């Protein structure tokens, strides 16, 4: 493998000198939460009484040249192509191609990555519990790659050496049933594993519960079923916590959600206060033992791995995850005033190096 590192004097502690200076939310006498000042017409958060801007990389990332935009990735679910099998079961199919993919991780900073279907993270594959899944994987890269799914399947479909590893120019079809329901992921399992994952070969794999299989919690299951009336009221998004070691010293220079540092800090994620929020959250950060998610001025319910219909943690504002751990966050801003609300990793260094974001509640 050939990597093109940036100059040796580029390091994570010297590149971004400080994070945004932010004030904590404070309650009004009425008990309502006070937001930071609303964004200006450019889409950036206003300065107001809380100066949110510190020293960061000057310029803008070219999302068009990269081939993916984190502001589109966050809302995008790939449901594949659906047909009916002879036995009446639903067959859901995708074609996924691995490619060598250099992209701009920060203004002027290139990263020699690999990607599934030209985006990092790869497509968010979404299906329903009990369906038959068929994924045709084409290796258009110059290295051996695979797709290892965190789900239940046979050994020959595991996407590891000897069972679904694919040489350059070749292809393999993975086929298995969609189970268990939950928020899962897929990634390359070629060796060296830390490089094949870190360079961008990963994505989210969501199995929606079939309400008919869960009569004791049918309404809750239906709320997670994409396309159902119960699901339509939810604002659903995908957040992959990742990081990039741009000089290949096994220490990350940038931390982010959906691959671009400060993407949702500079341009807040707009949400409607009257509709609940559901976040499919995955940690795929390499070279650090844990990552985390923290929301300001609010609390949420957390479903570890998304494999339960009742929360595994209630009324929390921070969740910690090791690599490959994931879950579903559910929260609401219905009782909040409109405005800008911050969320970020609660490891300060991660936040200072890019994992800092905003919701704009409208």
Protein backbone atom coordinates (compact mmCIF):
# COMPACT_ATOMS: atom_id res chain seq x y z
CA UNK A 1 0.00 0.00 0.00
CA UNK A 2 1.24 3.48 -0.84
CA UNK A 3 0.18 6.46 1.23
CA UNK A 4 1.08 10.07 0.51
CA UNK A 5 1.60 11.74 3.89
CA UNK A 6 1.45 15.47 4.46
CA UNK A 7 4.64 17.19 5.69
CA UNK A 8 6.14 15.75 8.85
CA UNK A 9 5.76 18.99 10.79
CA UNK A 10 1.97 18.79 10.44
CA UNK A 11 0.52 17.48 13.68
CA UNK A 12 -2.83 17.50 15.39
CA UNK A 13 -1.83 19.71 18.30
CA UNK A 14 -0.21 22.35 16.12
CA UNK A 15 -2.73 22.52 13.29
CA UNK A 16 -5.79 23.75 15.13
CA UNK A 17 -4.72 26.01 17.96
CA UNK A 18 -7.97 26.19 19.83
CA UNK A 19 -11.61 25.20 19.63
CA UNK A 20 -14.54 27.53 19.38
CA UNK A 21 -15.13 29.49 22.57
CA UNK A 22 -18.66 28.74 23.61
CA UNK A 23 -20.88 29.62 26.53
CA UNK A 24 -22.98 27.09 28.34
CA UNK A 25 -26.75 27.23 28.01
CA UNK A 26 -28.40 29.01 30.91
CA UNK A 27 -32.04 28.70 32.00
CA UNK A 28 -34.52 31.52 31.92
CA UNK A 29 -36.56 32.24 34.98
CA UNK A 30 -39.47 30.46 33.27
CA UNK A 31 -37.46 27.27 32.93
CA UNK A 32 -37.22 27.47 29.11
CA UNK A 33 -33.81 26.77 27.57
CA UNK A 34 -31.98 29.74 26.07
CA UNK A 35 -30.35 29.03 22.74
CA UNK A 36 -27.22 30.61 21.37
CA UNK A 37 -27.83 33.28 18.76
CA UNK A 38 -29.41 32.20 15.50
CA UNK A 39 -27.34 31.83 12.31
CA UNK A 40 -26.91 34.81 10.06
CA UNK A 41 -28.06 34.75 6.43
CA UNK A 42 -24.85 32.98 5.36
CA UNK A 43 -25.84 29.95 7.42
CA UNK A 44 -23.15 30.54 10.02
CA UNK A 45 -23.98 30.88 13.69
CA UNK A 46 -24.22 34.44 14.91
CA UNK A 47 -21.78 35.88 17.42
CA UNK A 48 -24.23 37.40 19.89
CA UNK A 49 -23.39 37.02 23.57
CA UNK A 50 -21.70 33.66 22.99
CA UNK A 51 -18.71 33.93 20.66
CA UNK A 52 -18.72 30.53 18.97
CA UNK A 53 -15.74 31.08 16.67
CA UNK A 54 -12.13 30.30 17.46
CA UNK A 55 -9.18 29.64 15.14
CA UNK A 56 -9.88 26.93 12.59
CA UNK A 57 -8.73 26.02 9.10
CA UNK A 58 -9.26 28.88 6.67
CA UNK A 59 -11.25 28.12 3.52
CA UNK A 60 -13.90 25.64 2.46
CA UNK A 61 -13.81 21.98 1.55
CA UNK A 62 -14.86 21.26 -2.04
CA UNK A 63 -17.66 18.73 -1.52
CA UNK A 64 -18.30 18.41 -5.26
CA UNK A 65 -14.68 17.44 -5.93
CA UNK A 66 -14.79 15.05 -2.97
CA UNK A 67 -17.84 13.31 -4.42
CA UNK A 68 -19.81 13.50 -1.17
CA UNK A 69 -21.32 16.20 1.02
CA UNK A 70 -21.82 15.60 4.78
CA UNK A 71 -24.93 17.82 4.67
CA UNK A 72 -26.53 15.34 2.27
CA UNK A 73 -25.05 12.15 3.75
CA UNK A 74 -26.72 12.82 7.08
CA UNK A 75 -30.25 12.45 5.63
CA UNK A 76 -29.52 9.76 3.02
CA UNK A 77 -30.82 6.18 3.33
CA UNK A 78 -30.16 3.69 0.52
CA UNK A 79 -33.03 1.18 0.31
CA UNK A 80 -31.62 -0.67 -2.70
CA UNK A 81 -33.77 -2.46 -5.28
CA UNK A 82 -36.73 -4.51 -4.08
CA UNK A 83 -38.33 -7.55 -5.70
CA UNK A 84 -40.35 -10.58 -4.59
CA UNK A 85 -38.84 -14.07 -4.39
CA UNK A 86 -40.65 -17.24 -5.46
CA UNK A 87 -41.56 -17.98 -1.85
CA UNK A 88 -43.15 -14.54 -1.47
CA UNK A 89 -40.34 -13.05 0.61
CA UNK A 90 -38.89 -9.62 -0.11
CA UNK A 91 -35.47 -9.60 -1.79
CA UNK A 92 -33.48 -6.37 -1.36
CA UNK A 93 -30.35 -5.85 -3.48
CA UNK A 94 -27.47 -3.38 -3.74
CA UNK A 95 -24.32 -3.00 -5.84
CA UNK A 96 -21.36 -1.64 -3.88
CA UNK A 97 -18.00 -0.78 -5.45
CA UNK A 98 -14.76 -0.13 -3.58
CA UNK A 99 -12.49 2.51 -5.11
CA UNK A 100 -9.27 4.33 -4.29
CA UNK A 101 -10.42 7.78 -3.24
CA UNK A 102 -8.28 10.80 -2.46
CA UNK A 103 -10.39 13.56 -0.93
CA UNK A 104 -10.03 16.87 0.86
CA UNK A 105 -10.55 16.24 4.56
CA UNK A 106 -9.99 19.92 5.43
CA UNK A 107 -9.28 22.98 3.28
CA UNK A 108 -6.04 22.25 1.43
CA UNK A 109 -5.44 18.94 3.22
CA UNK A 110 -5.79 15.81 1.06
CA UNK A 111 -6.20 12.27 2.36
CA UNK A 112 -5.44 9.14 0.35
CA UNK A 113 -8.52 7.15 1.27
CA UNK A 114 -10.60 4.27 0.02
CA UNK A 115 -14.38 4.36 -0.27
CA UNK A 116 -17.52 2.38 -0.97
CA UNK A 117 -19.46 3.91 -3.89
CA UNK A 118 -17.36 7.07 -3.84
CA UNK A 119 -18.35 8.34 -0.40
CA UNK A 120 -17.03 8.19 3.16
CA UNK A 121 -18.86 6.81 5.04
CA UNK A 122 -20.31 4.44 2.46
CA UNK A 123 -24.02 4.23 1.63
CA UNK A 124 -26.37 3.79 4.58
CA UNK A 125 -28.03 0.49 3.69
CA UNK A 126 -31.55 0.25 5.10
CA UNK A 127 -33.86 -2.75 5.10
CA UNK A 128 -36.59 -4.45 7.15
CA UNK A 129 -36.26 -7.34 9.56
CA UNK A 130 -36.78 -10.71 7.86
CA UNK A 131 -35.97 -9.65 4.29
CA UNK A 132 -33.45 -11.49 2.14
CA UNK A 133 -30.46 -9.25 1.40
CA UNK A 134 -28.14 -9.58 -1.58
CA UNK A 135 -25.11 -7.29 -1.90
CA UNK A 136 -22.99 -7.54 -5.04
CA UNK A 137 -19.56 -6.23 -4.08
CA UNK A 138 -17.20 -5.13 -6.86
CA UNK A 139 -13.58 -4.35 -6.01
CA UNK A 140 -12.49 -1.45 -8.23
CA UNK A 141 -9.54 -0.64 -5.97
CA UNK A 142 -5.89 -1.62 -6.30
CA UNK A 143 -5.99 -3.59 -3.02
CA UNK A 144 -7.93 -6.62 -1.74
CA UNK A 145 -11.12 -5.57 0.06
CA UNK A 146 -14.31 -7.03 1.50
CA UNK A 147 -17.57 -6.16 3.24
CA UNK A 148 -17.97 -7.52 6.74
CA UNK A 149 -21.50 -6.99 8.11
CA UNK A 150 -22.25 -6.70 11.81
CA UNK A 151 -25.32 -8.89 11.71
CA UNK A 152 -26.23 -12.58 11.69
CA UNK A 153 -25.09 -14.63 8.70
CA UNK A 154 -23.23 -17.79 7.70
CA UNK A 155 -19.45 -18.11 8.00
CA UNK A 156 -18.98 -18.06 4.23
CA UNK A 157 -20.62 -14.61 4.10
CA UNK A 158 -18.40 -13.07 6.78
CA UNK A 159 -16.21 -10.92 4.52
CA UNK A 160 -12.93 -12.03 6.06
CA UNK A 161 -9.87 -13.74 4.49
CA UNK A 162 -11.09 -17.06 3.06
CA UNK A 163 -14.77 -16.07 3.19
CA UNK A 164 -15.68 -13.21 0.89
CA UNK A 165 -12.36 -11.42 0.47
CA UNK A 166 -12.19 -9.90 -3.01
CA UNK A 167 -9.09 -9.26 -5.11
CA UNK A 168 -8.76 -6.14 -7.30
CA UNK A 169 -10.97 -6.38 -10.38
CA UNK A 170 -13.06 -9.22 -8.95
CA UNK A 171 -16.44 -9.40 -7.23
CA UNK A 172 -18.39 -11.37 -4.65
CA UNK A 173 -22.07 -11.53 -3.69
CA UNK A 174 -22.99 -11.55 -0.02
CA UNK A 175 -26.43 -12.96 0.78
CA UNK A 176 -28.17 -13.35 4.14
CA UNK A 177 -31.36 -12.54 6.05
CA UNK A 178 -31.87 -9.14 7.70
CA UNK A 179 -31.52 -9.78 11.44
CA UNK A 180 -31.45 -8.68 14.16
CA UNK A 181 -33.20 -5.31 13.86
CA UNK A 182 -31.07 -2.39 14.95
CA UNK A 183 -28.34 0.07 14.03
CA UNK A 184 -25.37 -1.83 12.66
CA UNK A 185 -22.39 -1.26 10.40
CA UNK A 186 -20.28 -2.83 7.71
CA UNK A 187 -16.59 -2.39 6.96
CA UNK A 188 -13.65 -3.91 5.13
CA UNK A 189 -11.93 -6.75 7.00
CA UNK A 190 -8.71 -7.00 4.97
CA UNK A 191 -5.31 -6.89 6.65
CA UNK A 192 -3.93 -4.56 7.97
CA UNK A 193 -7.36 -3.99 9.45
CA UNK A 194 -6.55 -0.63 11.03
CA UNK A 195 -5.68 0.85 7.62
CA UNK A 196 -8.56 -0.64 5.65
CA UNK A 197 -11.07 0.72 8.16
CA UNK A 198 -9.34 4.02 8.89
CA UNK A 199 -8.92 4.94 5.21
CA UNK A 200 -12.70 5.01 4.72
CA UNK A 201 -14.13 1.57 4.01
CA UNK A 202 -17.12 1.55 6.38
CA UNK A 203 -20.79 2.42 6.41
CA UNK A 204 -24.03 2.11 8.38
CA UNK A 205 -26.36 -0.87 8.05
CA UNK A 206 -29.87 -0.35 9.49
CA UNK A 207 -32.43 -3.11 9.96
CA UNK A 208 -35.86 -1.69 10.76
CA UNK A 209 -38.08 -3.82 13.03
CA UNK A 210 -41.08 -5.50 11.42
CA UNK A 211 -44.06 -4.32 13.52
CA UNK A 212 -45.88 -7.60 12.88
CA UNK A 213 -43.08 -9.44 14.71
CA UNK A 214 -43.40 -7.21 17.79
CA UNK A 215 -47.09 -7.05 18.78
CA UNK A 216 -46.14 -6.02 22.34
CA UNK A 217 -44.54 -2.82 20.99
CA UNK A 218 -46.09 -2.47 17.58
CA UNK A 219 -46.37 1.34 17.58
CA UNK A 220 -42.74 1.77 18.60
CA UNK A 221 -41.58 -0.69 15.94
CA UNK A 222 -43.71 1.06 13.32
CA UNK A 223 -42.12 4.40 14.21
CA UNK A 224 -38.77 2.97 13.11
CA UNK A 225 -40.08 1.43 9.88
CA UNK A 226 -39.05 3.71 7.02
CA UNK A 227 -42.06 4.76 4.96
CA UNK A 228 -44.69 4.06 7.60
CA UNK A 229 -47.10 6.81 8.76
CA UNK A 230 -45.66 6.50 12.27
CA UNK A 231 -42.13 7.01 10.93
CA UNK A 232 -43.00 10.12 8.90
CA UNK A 233 -43.11 12.39 11.96
CA UNK A 234 -39.50 11.61 12.92
CA UNK A 235 -36.46 13.56 11.75
CA UNK A 236 -34.00 10.73 11.15
CA UNK A 237 -30.31 11.18 10.46
CA UNK A 238 -27.09 9.18 10.30
CA UNK A 239 -23.95 10.23 12.17
CA UNK A 240 -20.71 8.30 11.81
CA UNK A 241 -18.04 9.43 14.26
CA UNK A 242 -14.72 9.08 12.46
CA UNK A 243 -11.22 10.56 12.35
CA UNK A 244 -8.24 10.82 10.01
CA UNK A 245 -4.52 10.33 10.51
CA UNK A 246 -3.21 12.50 7.67
CA UNK A 247 0.51 11.90 8.27
CA UNK A 248 0.19 8.17 9.02
CA UNK A 249 1.78 8.19 12.46
CA UNK A 250 -1.15 6.32 14.04
CA UNK A 251 -2.41 9.51 15.68
CA UNK A 252 -5.40 11.40 14.30
CA UNK A 253 -5.11 15.00 13.13
CA UNK A 254 -8.84 15.48 12.53
CA UNK A 255 -12.02 14.26 14.25
CA UNK A 256 -15.44 14.60 12.70
CA UNK A 257 -18.95 13.36 12.07
CA UNK A 258 -19.43 12.10 8.52
CA UNK A 259 -15.82 12.81 7.53
CA UNK A 260 -15.46 16.62 7.35
CA UNK A 261 -14.27 18.45 10.50
CA UNK A 262 -16.55 21.28 11.69
CA UNK A 263 -19.01 20.59 8.81
CA UNK A 264 -22.07 20.92 11.05
CA UNK A 265 -20.48 23.66 13.13
CA UNK A 266 -20.09 25.98 10.15
CA UNK A 267 -23.46 25.02 8.69
CA UNK A 268 -25.88 23.87 11.39
CA UNK A 269 -28.24 20.92 10.93
CA UNK A 270 -31.70 22.46 10.68
CA UNK A 271 -34.41 20.61 12.63
CA UNK A 272 -38.05 21.36 13.41
CA UNK A 273 -38.76 21.85 17.10
CA UNK A 274 -42.19 20.17 16.90
CA UNK A 275 -40.87 16.88 15.48
CA UNK A 276 -38.78 14.33 17.42
CA UNK A 277 -35.22 13.51 16.35
CA UNK A 278 -33.76 10.05 15.82
CA UNK A 279 -30.02 9.69 15.27
CA UNK A 280 -28.40 6.48 14.06
CA UNK A 281 -24.99 6.91 15.71
CA UNK A 282 -21.92 4.79 14.90
CA UNK A 283 -18.33 5.08 16.14
CA UNK A 284 -15.67 3.88 13.70
CA UNK A 285 -12.78 6.00 15.04
CA UNK A 286 -9.37 4.32 14.72
CA UNK A 287 -6.32 5.00 16.95
CA UNK A 288 -8.40 6.13 19.95
CA UNK A 289 -10.09 3.73 22.40
CA UNK A 290 -13.37 5.65 22.68
CA UNK A 291 -15.43 8.45 21.18
CA UNK A 292 -18.49 10.18 22.56
CA UNK A 293 -21.59 12.24 21.80
CA UNK A 294 -22.78 15.08 24.06
CA UNK A 295 -25.79 17.35 23.55
CA UNK A 296 -26.08 20.83 25.09
CA UNK A 297 -29.22 22.00 26.90
CA UNK A 298 -31.08 18.73 26.39
CA UNK A 299 -31.19 15.04 27.26
CA UNK A 300 -31.95 11.95 25.21
CA UNK A 301 -32.87 8.29 25.36
CA UNK A 302 -30.34 5.78 24.03
CA UNK A 303 -30.91 2.34 22.52
CA UNK A 304 -27.60 0.45 22.62
CA UNK A 305 -27.03 -1.18 19.20
CA UNK A 306 -30.66 -0.28 18.43
CA UNK A 307 -31.66 -3.88 19.15
CA UNK A 308 -34.32 -3.05 21.73
CA UNK A 309 -37.61 -1.17 21.49
CA UNK A 310 -37.22 0.23 24.99
CA UNK A 311 -34.28 2.51 25.91
CA UNK A 312 -31.18 0.97 27.46
CA UNK A 313 -30.37 4.41 28.96
CA UNK A 314 -32.87 7.14 29.83
CA UNK A 315 -32.42 10.89 30.33
CA UNK A 316 -28.72 11.14 29.54
CA UNK A 317 -26.83 13.86 27.70
CA UNK A 318 -23.59 11.98 26.95
CA UNK A 319 -22.91 8.52 25.56
CA UNK A 320 -19.50 6.86 25.24
CA UNK A 321 -18.63 4.26 22.57
CA UNK A 322 -15.69 2.06 21.64
CA UNK A 323 -14.93 1.41 17.97
CA UNK A 324 -17.80 -0.41 16.17
CA UNK A 325 -20.23 0.34 19.00
CA UNK A 326 -23.40 2.06 17.87
CA UNK A 327 -26.92 2.89 18.89
CA UNK A 328 -29.99 5.03 18.39
CA UNK A 329 -30.51 8.41 20.05
CA UNK A 330 -34.04 9.81 20.42
CA UNK A 331 -34.72 13.34 21.67
CA UNK A 332 -36.93 16.37 21.17
CA UNK A 333 -36.60 20.15 21.25
CA UNK A 334 -40.38 20.64 21.52
CA UNK A 335 -40.09 22.63 24.77
CA UNK A 336 -37.08 24.67 23.69
CA UNK A 337 -36.97 28.07 22.10
CA UNK A 338 -35.70 28.25 18.51
CA UNK A 339 -31.98 28.82 18.11
CA UNK A 340 -28.57 27.17 17.89
CA UNK A 341 -27.81 24.19 20.14
CA UNK A 342 -24.36 22.66 20.23
CA UNK A 343 -23.39 18.98 20.27
CA UNK A 344 -19.89 17.50 20.19
CA UNK A 345 -17.50 14.86 21.49
CA UNK A 346 -16.82 15.29 25.17
CA UNK A 347 -13.13 14.60 24.74
CA UNK A 348 -11.95 18.21 24.47
CA UNK A 349 -9.17 17.43 22.01
CA UNK A 350 -11.64 15.74 19.63
CA UNK A 351 -13.90 18.80 19.77
CA UNK A 352 -10.99 21.19 19.16
CA UNK A 353 -9.86 19.14 16.16
CA UNK A 354 -13.19 19.10 14.38
CA UNK A 355 -15.86 17.07 16.22
CA UNK A 356 -17.98 20.11 17.05
CA UNK A 357 -21.48 20.64 15.63
CA UNK A 358 -24.74 22.58 15.88
CA UNK A 359 -28.45 21.98 15.52
CA UNK A 360 -30.51 24.93 14.35
CA UNK A 361 -33.94 24.49 15.93
CA UNK A 362 -36.67 26.26 13.94
